[in-house]
Amino acid sequence: MTDKHLLEQMEATLKRLSVPVEVTEYEAAESLPEEVRDSLRDMTEGLPQEIGDTCYMPVRQPAVILSCAAQQPGARELLLLAGALIASLATGEHLTENSFDVYRRVLRGELMGAELEALCHEHQLPQSLERCVMVFHMVQTGEERAYDLLRDITPMQERDVLIDMDRHTVALIKDMTETESPDELVQYAQALQETLMSETAHQMTVGIGRSRHTIDELGESYAEAKRAIEVGRIFQPEESIYAFSRLILERFLMELPQDISAYYHGLLFNRKTARLFNEEMLYTIDMFFKKDLNLSDTARQLYIHRNTLVYRLDKVQRQTGLDLRSFEDAVTFKILMELKKCGGDKLSRK
């Protein structure tokens, strides 16, 4: 059966032609006149043929039959053009609903070994290709599914595959052959977010897994993309695009037992330092880190005098022994501060 979305794309494309061209799936051939059905086996693919007052042309990939009124000027040429148009819409893999289901089961870890190899051969899916998985998640979609909102605006290469995972989640298996770095994927996600907002006013969160070479490893990339969203939302709630490969420290901290996280967080953040680390001080320190420990840039961003910033950092050093202008001390402080996000309420100040 021809993919429903592809069929919709074909019909929308052919409507732009000056003469109406009908698209009929092979499975729905019983709706055609009996003389046409009888001639289907003998008709040559890609070659228009007049039967009665209608011109027909079978297309094998995707499996459809094109037709238009034979009395239209240039009817045969028109069908040849229509055939070329729909061929350009179909990817090289000629994905069907069953093909999408194979990919969906691969991402969920439900297929492996000989069964996966057999299904790849049956549906002509590439088993070896450099690909990664991107996960798009939307909470507020109204009556529409996330897939319906994304499928017509997502820029795709020939071997990219967009898959509906559930009402709120869509996975994109991205061909990495021409992609050089994770930064390009982040830029791709940013552009898609902007298009989605402008076209539908919806927002989404994006997780990016690492690249994999074989189809049976795509499930790992999918799990990484989902994990990137989980970890990213905790440590970087102001962001909406998370690459698994960029969250090394955050993933490490999430692996620590909560009692260990609570102990080390409490060494620096406790009742004795509660007045020191008020909201203003924490905001100052966070900005200092974002500006790569640059005093002048931080002061300008905070609209304070450079000496005021130095005074605040000196105050932290006097009470904690950590000089945040020192890279080593700054790393120590950053790790101990981030530990609060790993244990939730269990890491409240002591």
C-alpha atoms as a PDB file:
ATOM      1  CA  MET A   1       0.000   0.000   0.000  1.00  0.00           C
ATOM      2  CA  THR A   2       1.288   3.468  -0.859  1.00  0.00           C
ATOM      3  CA  ASP A   3       2.105   5.617   2.171  1.00  0.00           C
ATOM      4  CA  LYS A   4      -0.871   7.849   2.979  1.00  0.00           C
ATOM      5  CA  HIS A   5       1.252  10.967   3.378  1.00  0.00           C
ATOM      6  CA  LEU A   6       3.041  10.341   0.080  1.00  0.00           C
ATOM      7  CA  LEU A   7      -0.321   9.877  -1.626  1.00  0.00           C
ATOM      8  CA  GLU A   8      -1.516  13.202  -0.214  1.00  0.00           C
ATOM      9  CA  GLN A   9       1.671  14.878  -1.449  1.00  0.00           C
ATOM     10  CA  MET A  10       1.175  13.431  -4.947  1.00  0.00           C
ATOM     11  CA  GLU A  11      -2.432  14.611  -5.131  1.00  0.00           C
ATOM     12  CA  ALA A  12      -1.485  18.098  -3.902  1.00  0.00           C
ATOM     13  CA  THR A  13       1.316  18.320  -6.465  1.00  0.00           C
ATOM     14  CA  LEU A  14      -0.819  17.166  -9.406  1.00  0.00           C
ATOM     15  CA  LYS A  15      -3.552  19.676  -8.529  1.00  0.00           C
ATOM     16  CA  ARG A  16      -1.133  22.409  -9.559  1.00  0.00           C
ATOM     17  CA  LEU A  17      -1.163  21.169 -13.166  1.00  0.00           C
ATOM     18  CA  SER A  18      -3.415  22.927 -15.654  1.00  0.00           C
ATOM     19  CA  VAL A  19      -5.236  19.659 -16.470  1.00  0.00           C
ATOM     20  CA  PRO A  20      -6.650  17.376 -13.727  1.00  0.00           C
ATOM     21  CA  VAL A  21      -4.664  14.153 -13.240  1.00  0.00           C
ATOM     22  CA  GLU A  22      -6.170  11.391 -11.103  1.00  0.00           C
ATOM     23  CA  VAL A  23      -4.123   9.094  -8.858  1.00  0.00           C
ATOM     24  CA  THR A  24      -5.382   5.568  -8.126  1.00  0.00           C
ATOM     25  CA  GLU A  25      -3.583   3.055  -5.911  1.00  0.00           C
ATOM     26  CA  TYR A  26      -3.104  -0.436  -7.310  1.00  0.00           C
ATOM     27  CA  GLU A  27      -4.980  -1.794  -4.306  1.00  0.00           C
ATOM     28  CA  ALA A  28      -7.964   0.346  -5.319  1.00  0.00           C
ATOM     29  CA  ALA A  29      -7.916  -0.742  -8.980  1.00  0.00           C
ATOM     30  CA  GLU A  30     -11.393  -2.271  -8.638  1.00  0.00           C
ATOM     31  CA  SER A  31     -12.735   1.278  -8.884  1.00  0.00           C
ATOM     32  CA  LEU A  32     -11.424   1.492 -12.458  1.00  0.00           C
ATOM     33  CA  PRO A  33     -13.400   0.330 -15.490  1.00  0.00           C
ATOM     34  CA  GLU A  34     -13.254  -3.407 -16.162  1.00  0.00           C
ATOM     35  CA  GLU A  35     -11.410  -2.988 -19.466  1.00  0.00           C
ATOM     36  CA  VAL A  36      -8.710  -0.992 -17.670  1.00  0.00           C
ATOM     37  CA  ARG A  37      -8.323  -3.628 -14.938  1.00  0.00           C
ATOM     38  CA  ASP A  38      -7.995  -6.316 -17.615  1.00  0.00           C
ATOM     39  CA  SER A  39      -5.258  -4.324 -19.373  1.00  0.00           C
ATOM     40  CA  LEU A  40      -3.181  -3.493 -16.286  1.00  0.00           C
ATOM     41  CA  ARG A  41      -0.920  -6.537 -16.534  1.00  0.00           C
ATOM     42  CA  ASP A  42      -0.055  -5.791 -20.134  1.00  0.00           C
ATOM     43  CA  MET A  43       0.476  -2.062 -19.678  1.00  0.00           C
ATOM     44  CA  THR A  44       4.111  -0.914 -19.686  1.00  0.00           C
ATOM     45  CA  GLU A  45       5.307   1.074 -16.699  1.00  0.00           C
ATOM     46  CA  GLY A  46       5.760   4.753 -17.491  1.00  0.00           C
ATOM     47  CA  LEU A  47       4.083   4.436 -20.907  1.00  0.00           C
ATOM     48  CA  PRO A  48       0.702   6.216 -21.364  1.00  0.00           C
ATOM     49  CA  GLN A  49      -2.042   4.225 -23.067  1.00  0.00           C
ATOM     50  CA  GLU A  50      -5.470   5.341 -24.208  1.00  0.00           C
ATOM     51  CA  ILE A  51      -8.432   3.183 -23.171  1.00  0.00           C
ATOM     52  CA  GLY A  52     -11.756   4.641 -24.220  1.00  0.00           C
ATOM     53  CA  ASP A  53     -11.825   8.378 -23.591  1.00  0.00           C
ATOM     54  CA  THR A  54      -9.168   8.238 -20.861  1.00  0.00           C
ATOM     55  CA  CYS A  55      -5.394   8.030 -20.958  1.00  0.00           C
ATOM     56  CA  TYR A  56      -3.782   5.795 -18.297  1.00  0.00           C
ATOM     57  CA  MET A  57      -0.191   5.270 -17.183  1.00  0.00           C
ATOM     58  CA  PRO A  58       0.962   2.782 -14.515  1.00  0.00           C
ATOM     59  CA  VAL A  59       3.764   3.742 -12.108  1.00  0.00           C
ATOM     60  CA  ARG A  60       5.347   0.913 -10.117  1.00  0.00           C
ATOM     61  CA  GLN A  61       7.233   2.952  -7.531  1.00  0.00           C
ATOM     62  CA  PRO A  62       5.095   4.149  -5.867  1.00  0.00           C
ATOM     63  CA  ALA A  63       2.423   1.690  -6.998  1.00  0.00           C
ATOM     64  CA  VAL A  64      -0.211   3.978  -8.521  1.00  0.00           C
ATOM     65  CA  ILE A  65      -2.061   4.535 -11.790  1.00  0.00           C
ATOM     66  CA  LEU A  66      -2.257   8.018 -13.302  1.00  0.00           C
ATOM     67  CA  SER A  67      -5.058   9.036 -15.614  1.00  0.00           C
ATOM     68  CA  CYS A  68      -6.439  12.066 -17.429  1.00  0.00           C
ATOM     69  CA  ALA A  69      -8.930  12.813 -20.186  1.00  0.00           C
ATOM     70  CA  ALA A  70      -7.545  11.591 -23.533  1.00  0.00           C
ATOM     71  CA  GLN A  71      -9.014  14.543 -25.452  1.00  0.00           C
ATOM     72  CA  GLN A  72      -6.872  17.003 -23.506  1.00  0.00           C
ATOM     73  CA  PRO A  73      -4.070  18.447 -25.685  1.00  0.00           C
ATOM     74  CA  GLY A  74      -0.800  16.712 -24.905  1.00  0.00           C
ATOM     75  CA  ALA A  75      -2.455  14.164 -22.575  1.00  0.00           C
ATOM     76  CA  ARG A  76       0.354  11.615 -22.970  1.00  0.00           C
ATOM     77  CA  GLU A  77       3.064  14.210 -22.320  1.00  0.00           C
ATOM     78  CA  LEU A  78       1.102  15.429 -19.328  1.00  0.00           C
ATOM     79  CA  LEU A  79       1.079  11.955 -17.763  1.00  0.00           C
ATOM     80  CA  LEU A  80       4.798  11.578 -18.390  1.00  0.00           C
ATOM     81  CA  LEU A  81       5.360  14.875 -16.578  1.00  0.00           C
ATOM     82  CA  ALA A  82       3.074  13.809 -13.724  1.00  0.00           C
ATOM     83  CA  GLY A  83       4.971  10.534 -13.435  1.00  0.00           C
ATOM     84  CA  ALA A  84       8.265  12.399 -13.129  1.00  0.00           C
ATOM     85  CA  LEU A  85       6.804  14.694 -10.476  1.00  0.00           C
ATOM     86  CA  ILE A  86       5.560  11.938  -8.219  1.00  0.00           C
ATOM     87  CA  ALA A  87       8.770   9.967  -8.699  1.00  0.00           C
ATOM     88  CA  SER A  88      10.638  12.966  -7.278  1.00  0.00           C
ATOM     89  CA  LEU A  89       8.397  12.872  -4.199  1.00  0.00           C
ATOM     90  CA  ALA A  90       9.050   9.217  -3.426  1.00  0.00           C
ATOM     91  CA  THR A  91      12.311   8.545  -1.601  1.00  0.00           C
ATOM     92  CA  GLY A  92      14.787   5.990  -2.862  1.00  0.00           C
ATOM     93  CA  GLU A  93      13.542   3.575  -0.199  1.00  0.00           C
ATOM     94  CA  HIS A  94       9.894   3.724  -1.361  1.00  0.00           C
ATOM     95  CA  LEU A  95       8.665   3.562   2.207  1.00  0.00           C
ATOM     96  CA  THR A  96       5.312   1.977   2.951  1.00  0.00           C
ATOM     97  CA  GLU A  97       3.360   1.913   6.201  1.00  0.00           C
ATOM     98  CA  ASN A  98       5.001  -1.441   6.945  1.00  0.00           C
ATOM     99  CA  SER A  99       8.430   0.114   6.372  1.00  0.00           C
ATOM    100  CA  PHE A 100       7.638   2.851   8.882  1.00  0.00           C
ATOM    101  CA  ASP A 101       6.531   0.201  11.351  1.00  0.00           C
ATOM    102  CA  VAL A 102       9.871  -1.603  10.975  1.00  0.00           C
ATOM    103  CA  TYR A 103      11.731   1.604  11.791  1.00  0.00           C
ATOM    104  CA  ARG A 104       9.380   2.292  14.700  1.00  0.00           C
ATOM    105  CA  ARG A 105      10.036  -1.145  16.194  1.00  0.00           C
ATOM    106  CA  VAL A 106      13.785  -0.719  15.675  1.00  0.00           C
ATOM    107  CA  LEU A 107      13.748   2.533  17.641  1.00  0.00           C
ATOM    108  CA  ARG A 108      11.811   0.863  20.446  1.00  0.00           C
ATOM    109  CA  GLY A 109      14.288  -2.016  20.562  1.00  0.00           C
ATOM    110  CA  GLU A 110      11.757  -4.620  19.478  1.00  0.00           C
ATOM    111  CA  LEU A 111      13.680  -5.938  16.441  1.00  0.00           C
ATOM    112  CA  MET A 112      17.128  -7.424  16.148  1.00  0.00           C
ATOM    113  CA  GLY A 113      19.170 -10.198  14.611  1.00  0.00           C
ATOM    114  CA  ALA A 114      17.814 -12.386  11.841  1.00  0.00           C
ATOM    115  CA  GLU A 115      14.264 -11.005  12.053  1.00  0.00           C
ATOM    116  CA  LEU A 116      15.499  -7.452  11.522  1.00  0.00           C
ATOM    117  CA  GLU A 117      17.761  -8.495   8.668  1.00  0.00           C
ATOM    118  CA  ALA A 118      14.883 -10.291   6.942  1.00  0.00           C
ATOM    119  CA  LEU A 119      12.555  -7.294   7.277  1.00  0.00           C
ATOM    120  CA  CYS A 120      15.227  -4.922   5.979  1.00  0.00           C
ATOM    121  CA  HIS A 121      15.665  -7.150   2.931  1.00  0.00           C
ATOM    122  CA  GLU A 122      11.888  -7.401   2.410  1.00  0.00           C
ATOM    123  CA  HIS A 123      11.337  -3.640   2.581  1.00  0.00           C
ATOM    124  CA  GLN A 124      14.667  -2.666   0.978  1.00  0.00           C
ATOM    125  CA  LEU A 125      15.828  -0.661   4.007  1.00  0.00           C
ATOM    126  CA  PRO A 126      19.563   0.175   4.207  1.00  0.00           C
ATOM    127  CA  GLN A 127      21.203  -1.767   7.020  1.00  0.00           C
ATOM    128  CA  SER A 128      24.472   0.195   6.939  1.00  0.00           C
ATOM    129  CA  LEU A 129      24.279   3.967   6.744  1.00  0.00           C
ATOM    130  CA  GLU A 130      25.592   6.745   8.985  1.00  0.00           C
ATOM    131  CA  ARG A 131      22.476   8.045  10.744  1.00  0.00           C
ATOM    132  CA  CYS A 132      21.373   9.570  14.026  1.00  0.00           C
ATOM    133  CA  VAL A 133      17.974   9.983  15.647  1.00  0.00           C
ATOM    134  CA  MET A 134      16.418  13.308  16.563  1.00  0.00           C
ATOM    135  CA  VAL A 135      13.364  13.346  18.838  1.00  0.00           C
ATOM    136  CA  PHE A 136      10.801  16.146  18.583  1.00  0.00           C
ATOM    137  CA  HIS A 137       8.440  16.449  21.551  1.00  0.00           C
ATOM    138  CA  MET A 138       5.409  18.729  21.801  1.00  0.00           C
ATOM    139  CA  VAL A 139       3.162  18.819  24.868  1.00  0.00           C
ATOM    140  CA  GLN A 140       0.493  21.203  23.600  1.00  0.00           C
ATOM    141  CA  THR A 141      -0.763  20.076  20.196  1.00  0.00           C
ATOM    142  CA  GLY A 142      -4.482  20.709  20.493  1.00  0.00           C
ATOM    143  CA  GLU A 143      -6.475  18.214  18.442  1.00  0.00           C
ATOM    144  CA  GLU A 144      -3.587  17.554  16.068  1.00  0.00           C
ATOM    145  CA  ARG A 145      -0.788  15.032  16.472  1.00  0.00           C
ATOM    146  CA  ALA A 146       2.789  16.273  16.561  1.00  0.00           C
ATOM    147  CA  TYR A 147       3.492  14.323  13.353  1.00  0.00           C
ATOM    148  CA  ASP A 148       0.741  16.150  11.466  1.00  0.00           C
ATOM    149  CA  LEU A 149       2.236  19.485  12.503  1.00  0.00           C
ATOM    150  CA  LEU A 150       5.774  18.553  11.483  1.00  0.00           C
ATOM    151  CA  ARG A 151       5.551  16.407   8.383  1.00  0.00           C
ATOM    152  CA  ASP A 152       4.946  19.216   5.874  1.00  0.00           C
ATOM    153  CA  ILE A 153       7.506  21.665   7.289  1.00  0.00           C
ATOM    154  CA  THR A 154      10.436  19.362   8.106  1.00  0.00           C
ATOM    155  CA  PRO A 155      13.223  19.654   5.498  1.00  0.00           C
ATOM    156  CA  MET A 156      14.287  16.142   4.544  1.00  0.00           C
ATOM    157  CA  GLN A 157      17.074  14.558   2.552  1.00  0.00           C
ATOM    158  CA  GLU A 158      16.375  11.531   0.369  1.00  0.00           C
ATOM    159  CA  ARG A 159      17.222   8.961   3.064  1.00  0.00           C
ATOM    160  CA  ASP A 160      15.742  10.840   6.044  1.00  0.00           C
ATOM    161  CA  VAL A 161      12.744   9.167   7.680  1.00  0.00           C
ATOM    162  CA  LEU A 162      10.150  10.967   9.825  1.00  0.00           C
ATOM    163  CA  ILE A 163       8.249   8.619  12.145  1.00  0.00           C
ATOM    164  CA  ASP A 164       5.154   9.106  14.283  1.00  0.00           C
ATOM    165  CA  MET A 165       5.998   7.570  17.699  1.00  0.00           C
ATOM    166  CA  ASP A 166       2.977   8.774  19.684  1.00  0.00           C
ATOM    167  CA  ARG A 167       0.629  11.752  19.864  1.00  0.00           C
ATOM    168  CA  HIS A 168       3.288  14.104  21.198  1.00  0.00           C
ATOM    169  CA  THR A 169       6.518  12.558  19.914  1.00  0.00           C
ATOM    170  CA  VAL A 170       8.084  12.336  16.458  1.00  0.00           C
ATOM    171  CA  ALA A 171      11.436  10.745  15.595  1.00  0.00           C
ATOM    172  CA  LEU A 172      13.574  11.803  12.649  1.00  0.00           C
ATOM    173  CA  ILE A 173      16.148   9.281  11.445  1.00  0.00           C
ATOM    174  CA  LYS A 174      18.661  11.697   9.930  1.00  0.00           C
ATOM    175  CA  ASP A 175      21.112  10.751   7.204  1.00  0.00           C
ATOM    176  CA  MET A 176      24.528  11.933   8.458  1.00  0.00           C
ATOM    177  CA  THR A 177      26.425  11.358   5.212  1.00  0.00           C
ATOM    178  CA  GLU A 178      26.725  15.085   4.505  1.00  0.00           C
ATOM    179  CA  THR A 179      26.615  16.307   8.112  1.00  0.00           C
ATOM    180  CA  GLU A 180      29.985  17.105   9.644  1.00  0.00           C
ATOM    181  CA  SER A 181      29.222  17.973  13.273  1.00  0.00           C
ATOM    182  CA  PRO A 182      26.524  18.002  15.981  1.00  0.00           C
ATOM    183  CA  ASP A 183      26.475  21.801  15.605  1.00  0.00           C
ATOM    184  CA  GLU A 184      24.842  21.393  12.198  1.00  0.00           C
ATOM    185  CA  LEU A 185      22.093  19.280  13.741  1.00  0.00           C
ATOM    186  CA  VAL A 186      21.492  21.931  16.404  1.00  0.00           C
ATOM    187  CA  GLN A 187      21.212  24.589  13.692  1.00  0.00           C
ATOM    188  CA  TYR A 188      18.833  22.321  11.769  1.00  0.00           C
ATOM    189  CA  ALA A 189      16.686  21.941  14.893  1.00  0.00           C
ATOM    190  CA  GLN A 190      16.703  25.696  15.522  1.00  0.00           C
ATOM    191  CA  ALA A 191      15.532  26.400  11.985  1.00  0.00           C
ATOM    192  CA  LEU A 192      12.758  23.818  12.308  1.00  0.00           C
ATOM    193  CA  GLN A 193      11.662  25.305  15.636  1.00  0.00           C
ATOM    194  CA  GLU A 194      11.397  28.755  14.071  1.00  0.00           C
ATOM    195  CA  THR A 195       9.386  27.397  11.142  1.00  0.00           C
ATOM    196  CA  LEU A 196       7.060  25.503  13.466  1.00  0.00           C
ATOM    197  CA  MET A 197       6.451  28.604  15.564  1.00  0.00           C
ATOM    198  CA  SER A 198       5.773  30.813  12.559  1.00  0.00           C
ATOM    199  CA  GLU A 199       3.550  28.278  10.802  1.00  0.00           C
ATOM    200  CA  THR A 200       1.604  26.786  13.725  1.00  0.00           C
ATOM    201  CA  ALA A 201       2.474  28.835  16.856  1.00  0.00           C
ATOM    202  CA  HIS A 202       3.518  25.588  18.564  1.00  0.00           C
ATOM    203  CA  GLN A 203       6.731  25.008  20.500  1.00  0.00           C
ATOM    204  CA  MET A 204       8.738  21.812  20.759  1.00  0.00           C
ATOM    205  CA  THR A 205      11.703  20.327  22.589  1.00  0.00           C
ATOM    206  CA  VAL A 206      14.408  18.529  20.597  1.00  0.00           C
ATOM    207  CA  GLY A 207      16.761  15.738  21.674  1.00  0.00           C
ATOM    208  CA  ILE A 208      19.673  14.642  19.477  1.00  0.00           C
ATOM    209  CA  GLY A 209      21.275  11.198  19.764  1.00  0.00           C
ATOM    210  CA  ARG A 210      24.738  10.241  18.587  1.00  0.00           C
ATOM    211  CA  SER A 211      25.442   8.936  15.098  1.00  0.00           C
ATOM    212  CA  ARG A 212      25.252   5.193  14.421  1.00  0.00           C
ATOM    213  CA  HIS A 213      26.359   3.143  11.420  1.00  0.00           C
ATOM    214  CA  THR A 214      23.932   0.186  11.392  1.00  0.00           C
ATOM    215  CA  ILE A 215      20.155   0.026  11.599  1.00  0.00           C
ATOM    216  CA  ASP A 216      20.145  -2.196  14.680  1.00  0.00           C
ATOM    217  CA  GLU A 217      21.984   0.570  16.590  1.00  0.00           C
ATOM    218  CA  LEU A 218      19.382   3.236  15.857  1.00  0.00           C
ATOM    219  CA  GLY A 219      17.494   2.246  18.997  1.00  0.00           C
ATOM    220  CA  GLU A 220      20.517   3.388  21.017  1.00  0.00           C
ATOM    221  CA  SER A 221      20.528   6.775  19.297  1.00  0.00           C
ATOM    222  CA  TYR A 222      16.772   7.104  19.931  1.00  0.00           C
ATOM    223  CA  ALA A 223      17.261   6.322  23.646  1.00  0.00           C
ATOM    224  CA  GLU A 224      20.065   8.901  23.790  1.00  0.00           C
ATOM    225  CA  ALA A 225      17.874  11.563  22.197  1.00  0.00           C
ATOM    226  CA  LYS A 226      15.136  10.952  24.774  1.00  0.00           C
ATOM    227  CA  ARG A 227      17.690  10.926  27.587  1.00  0.00           C
ATOM    228  CA  ALA A 228      19.122  14.210  26.323  1.00  0.00           C
ATOM    229  CA  ILE A 229      15.685  15.805  26.726  1.00  0.00           C
ATOM    230  CA  GLU A 230      15.278  14.380  30.238  1.00  0.00           C
ATOM    231  CA  VAL A 231      18.700  15.547  31.433  1.00  0.00           C
ATOM    232  CA  GLY A 232      18.631  18.824  29.514  1.00  0.00           C
ATOM    233  CA  ARG A 233      15.321  19.904  31.021  1.00  0.00           C
ATOM    234  CA  ILE A 234      16.812  19.468  34.511  1.00  0.00           C
ATOM    235  CA  PHE A 235      20.129  21.241  33.999  1.00  0.00           C
ATOM    236  CA  GLN A 236      19.264  23.705  31.226  1.00  0.00           C
ATOM    237  CA  PRO A 237      15.542  24.467  31.543  1.00  0.00           C
ATOM    238  CA  GLU A 238      15.977  27.738  29.639  1.00  0.00           C
ATOM    239  CA  GLU A 239      17.025  25.782  26.523  1.00  0.00           C
ATOM    240  CA  SER A 240      14.903  23.585  24.230  1.00  0.00           C
ATOM    241  CA  ILE A 241      17.483  21.756  22.078  1.00  0.00           C
ATOM    242  CA  TYR A 242      19.661  19.135  23.762  1.00  0.00           C
ATOM    243  CA  ALA A 243      22.441  17.094  22.165  1.00  0.00           C
ATOM    244  CA  PHE A 244      23.375  13.937  24.077  1.00  0.00           C
ATOM    245  CA  SER A 245      27.067  14.393  23.219  1.00  0.00           C
ATOM    246  CA  ARG A 246      27.099  17.855  24.808  1.00  0.00           C
ATOM    247  CA  LEU A 247      25.688  16.759  28.181  1.00  0.00           C
ATOM    248  CA  ILE A 248      28.661  14.751  29.458  1.00  0.00           C
ATOM    249  CA  LEU A 249      28.979  16.428  32.870  1.00  0.00           C
ATOM    250  CA  GLU A 250      25.228  16.524  33.376  1.00  0.00           C
ATOM    251  CA  ARG A 251      24.849  12.833  32.538  1.00  0.00           C
ATOM    252  CA  PHE A 252      27.684  11.977  34.926  1.00  0.00           C
ATOM    253  CA  LEU A 253      26.067  13.919  37.764  1.00  0.00           C
ATOM    254  CA  MET A 254      22.723  12.200  37.142  1.00  0.00           C
ATOM    255  CA  GLU A 255      24.416   8.826  37.631  1.00  0.00           C
ATOM    256  CA  LEU A 256      25.557   9.674  41.171  1.00  0.00           C
ATOM    257  CA  PRO A 257      23.512   8.220  44.049  1.00  0.00           C
ATOM    258  CA  GLN A 258      21.290  10.834  45.667  1.00  0.00           C
ATOM    259  CA  ASP A 259      22.905  10.457  49.091  1.00  0.00           C
ATOM    260  CA  ILE A 260      26.350  11.161  47.579  1.00  0.00           C
ATOM    261  CA  SER A 261      24.975  14.174  45.693  1.00  0.00           C
ATOM    262  CA  ALA A 262      23.338  15.494  48.860  1.00  0.00           C
ATOM    263  CA  TYR A 263      26.526  15.113  50.901  1.00  0.00           C
ATOM    264  CA  TYR A 264      28.806  16.995  48.520  1.00  0.00           C
ATOM    265  CA  HIS A 265      26.227  19.658  47.702  1.00  0.00           C
ATOM    266  CA  GLY A 266      25.827  20.272  51.436  1.00  0.00           C
ATOM    267  CA  LEU A 267      29.544  20.894  51.883  1.00  0.00           C
ATOM    268  CA  LEU A 268      29.108  24.242  50.127  1.00  0.00           C
ATOM    269  CA  PHE A 269      25.409  25.019  50.290  1.00  0.00           C
ATOM    270  CA  ASN A 270      24.121  24.838  53.853  1.00  0.00           C
ATOM    271  CA  ARG A 271      22.619  26.998  56.600  1.00  0.00           C
ATOM    272  CA  LYS A 272      25.924  28.742  57.204  1.00  0.00           C
ATOM    273  CA  THR A 273      26.169  29.943  53.584  1.00  0.00           C
ATOM    274  CA  ALA A 274      22.460  30.556  53.015  1.00  0.00           C
ATOM    275  CA  ARG A 275      22.757  34.341  53.396  1.00  0.00           C
ATOM    276  CA  LEU A 276      25.830  34.465  51.170  1.00  0.00           C
ATOM    277  CA  PHE A 277      24.249  32.565  48.300  1.00  0.00           C
ATOM    278  CA  ASN A 278      21.120  34.625  47.916  1.00  0.00           C
ATOM    279  CA  GLU A 279      19.359  35.035  44.576  1.00  0.00           C
ATOM    280  CA  GLU A 280      21.451  38.029  43.532  1.00  0.00           C
ATOM    281  CA  MET A 281      24.762  36.298  44.323  1.00  0.00           C
ATOM    282  CA  LEU A 282      23.821  33.112  42.511  1.00  0.00           C
ATOM    283  CA  TYR A 283      22.730  35.102  39.460  1.00  0.00           C
ATOM    284  CA  THR A 284      26.049  36.973  39.512  1.00  0.00           C
ATOM    285  CA  ILE A 285      28.036  33.737  39.705  1.00  0.00           C
ATOM    286  CA  ASP A 286      25.990  32.101  36.965  1.00  0.00           C
ATOM    287  CA  MET A 287      26.580  35.056  34.653  1.00  0.00           C
ATOM    288  CA  PHE A 288      30.310  35.008  35.527  1.00  0.00           C
ATOM    289  CA  PHE A 289      30.463  31.384  34.406  1.00  0.00           C
ATOM    290  CA  LYS A 290      28.508  32.097  31.214  1.00  0.00           C
ATOM    291  CA  LYS A 291      31.007  34.836  30.373  1.00  0.00           C
ATOM    292  CA  ASP A 292      33.904  32.389  30.786  1.00  0.00           C
ATOM    293  CA  LEU A 293      35.190  34.028  34.006  1.00  0.00           C
ATOM    294  CA  ASN A 294      35.669  37.361  32.244  1.00  0.00           C
ATOM    295  CA  LEU A 295      35.239  40.179  34.797  1.00  0.00           C
ATOM    296  CA  SER A 296      34.656  43.029  32.353  1.00  0.00           C
ATOM    297  CA  ASP A 297      32.106  41.172  30.182  1.00  0.00           C
ATOM    298  CA  THR A 298      30.214  39.978  33.265  1.00  0.00           C
ATOM    299  CA  ALA A 299      30.072  43.449  34.812  1.00  0.00           C
ATOM    300  CA  ARG A 300      28.725  44.936  31.566  1.00  0.00           C
ATOM    301  CA  GLN A 301      26.082  42.216  31.302  1.00  0.00           C
ATOM    302  CA  LEU A 302      24.988  42.801  34.909  1.00  0.00           C
ATOM    303  CA  TYR A 303      25.112  46.609  34.571  1.00  0.00           C
ATOM    304  CA  ILE A 304      27.370  46.886  37.624  1.00  0.00           C
ATOM    305  CA  HIS A 305      30.811  48.351  38.174  1.00  0.00           C
ATOM    306  CA  ARG A 306      33.725  45.968  37.770  1.00  0.00           C
ATOM    307  CA  ASN A 307      34.774  46.652  41.367  1.00  0.00           C
ATOM    308  CA  THR A 308      31.315  45.617  42.577  1.00  0.00           C
ATOM    309  CA  LEU A 309      31.742  42.274  40.854  1.00  0.00           C
ATOM    310  CA  VAL A 310      35.215  41.835  42.339  1.00  0.00           C
ATOM    311  CA  TYR A 311      33.814  42.600  45.799  1.00  0.00           C
ATOM    312  CA  ARG A 312      31.170  39.882  45.438  1.00  0.00           C
ATOM    313  CA  LEU A 313      33.705  37.301  44.276  1.00  0.00           C
ATOM    314  CA  ASP A 314      36.043  38.259  47.130  1.00  0.00           C
ATOM    315  CA  LYS A 315      33.166  37.714  49.544  1.00  0.00           C
ATOM    316  CA  VAL A 316      32.633  34.179  48.199  1.00  0.00           C
ATOM    317  CA  GLN A 317      36.350  33.463  48.539  1.00  0.00           C
ATOM    318  CA  ARG A 318      36.487  34.693  52.153  1.00  0.00           C
ATOM    319  CA  GLN A 319      33.558  32.537  53.279  1.00  0.00           C
ATOM    320  CA  THR A 320      34.134  29.373  51.225  1.00  0.00           C
ATOM    321  CA  GLY A 321      37.826  29.391  50.351  1.00  0.00           C
ATOM    322  CA  LEU A 322      36.998  29.145  46.626  1.00  0.00           C
ATOM    323  CA  ASP A 323      38.306  31.828  44.272  1.00  0.00           C
ATOM    324  CA  LEU A 324      35.892  31.698  41.362  1.00  0.00           C
ATOM    325  CA  ARG A 325      38.391  33.578  39.187  1.00  0.00           C
ATOM    326  CA  SER A 326      40.494  30.426  39.310  1.00  0.00           C
ATOM    327  CA  PHE A 327      39.428  27.820  36.752  1.00  0.00           C
ATOM    328  CA  GLU A 328      39.957  24.921  39.171  1.00  0.00           C
ATOM    329  CA  ASP A 329      37.898  26.532  41.946  1.00  0.00           C
ATOM    330  CA  ALA A 330      35.230  27.576  39.456  1.00  0.00           C
ATOM    331  CA  VAL A 331      34.864  23.973  38.248  1.00  0.00           C
ATOM    332  CA  THR A 332      34.576  22.741  41.839  1.00  0.00           C
ATOM    333  CA  PHE A 333      31.892  25.314  42.629  1.00  0.00           C
ATOM    334  CA  LYS A 334      29.983  24.586  39.413  1.00  0.00           C
ATOM    335  CA  ILE A 335      29.855  20.844  40.069  1.00  0.00           C
ATOM    336  CA  LEU A 336      28.756  21.234  43.709  1.00  0.00           C
ATOM    337  CA  MET A 337      26.082  23.738  42.675  1.00  0.00           C
ATOM    338  CA  GLU A 338      24.754  21.520  39.869  1.00  0.00           C
ATOM    339  CA  LEU A 339      24.383  18.577  42.247  1.00  0.00           C
ATOM    340  CA  LYS A 340      21.251  20.238  43.636  1.00  0.00           C
ATOM    341  CA  LYS A 341      19.478  19.478  40.373  1.00  0.00           C
ATOM    342  CA  CYS A 342      20.168  15.757  40.635  1.00  0.00           C
ATOM    343  CA  GLY A 343      18.323  14.985  43.846  1.00  0.00           C
ATOM    344  CA  GLY A 344      15.377  17.340  43.932  1.00  0.00           C
ATOM    345  CA  ASP A 345      13.979  18.028  47.388  1.00  0.00           C
ATOM    346  CA  LYS A 346      16.513  15.745  49.063  1.00  0.00           C
ATOM    347  CA  LEU A 347      19.180  18.350  48.356  1.00  0.00           C
ATOM    348  CA  SER A 348      17.607  21.160  50.305  1.00  0.00           C
ATOM    349  CA  ARG A 349      19.945  23.229  52.415  1.00  0.00           C
ATOM    350  CA  LYS A 350      21.002  21.741  55.701  1.00  0.00           C
END
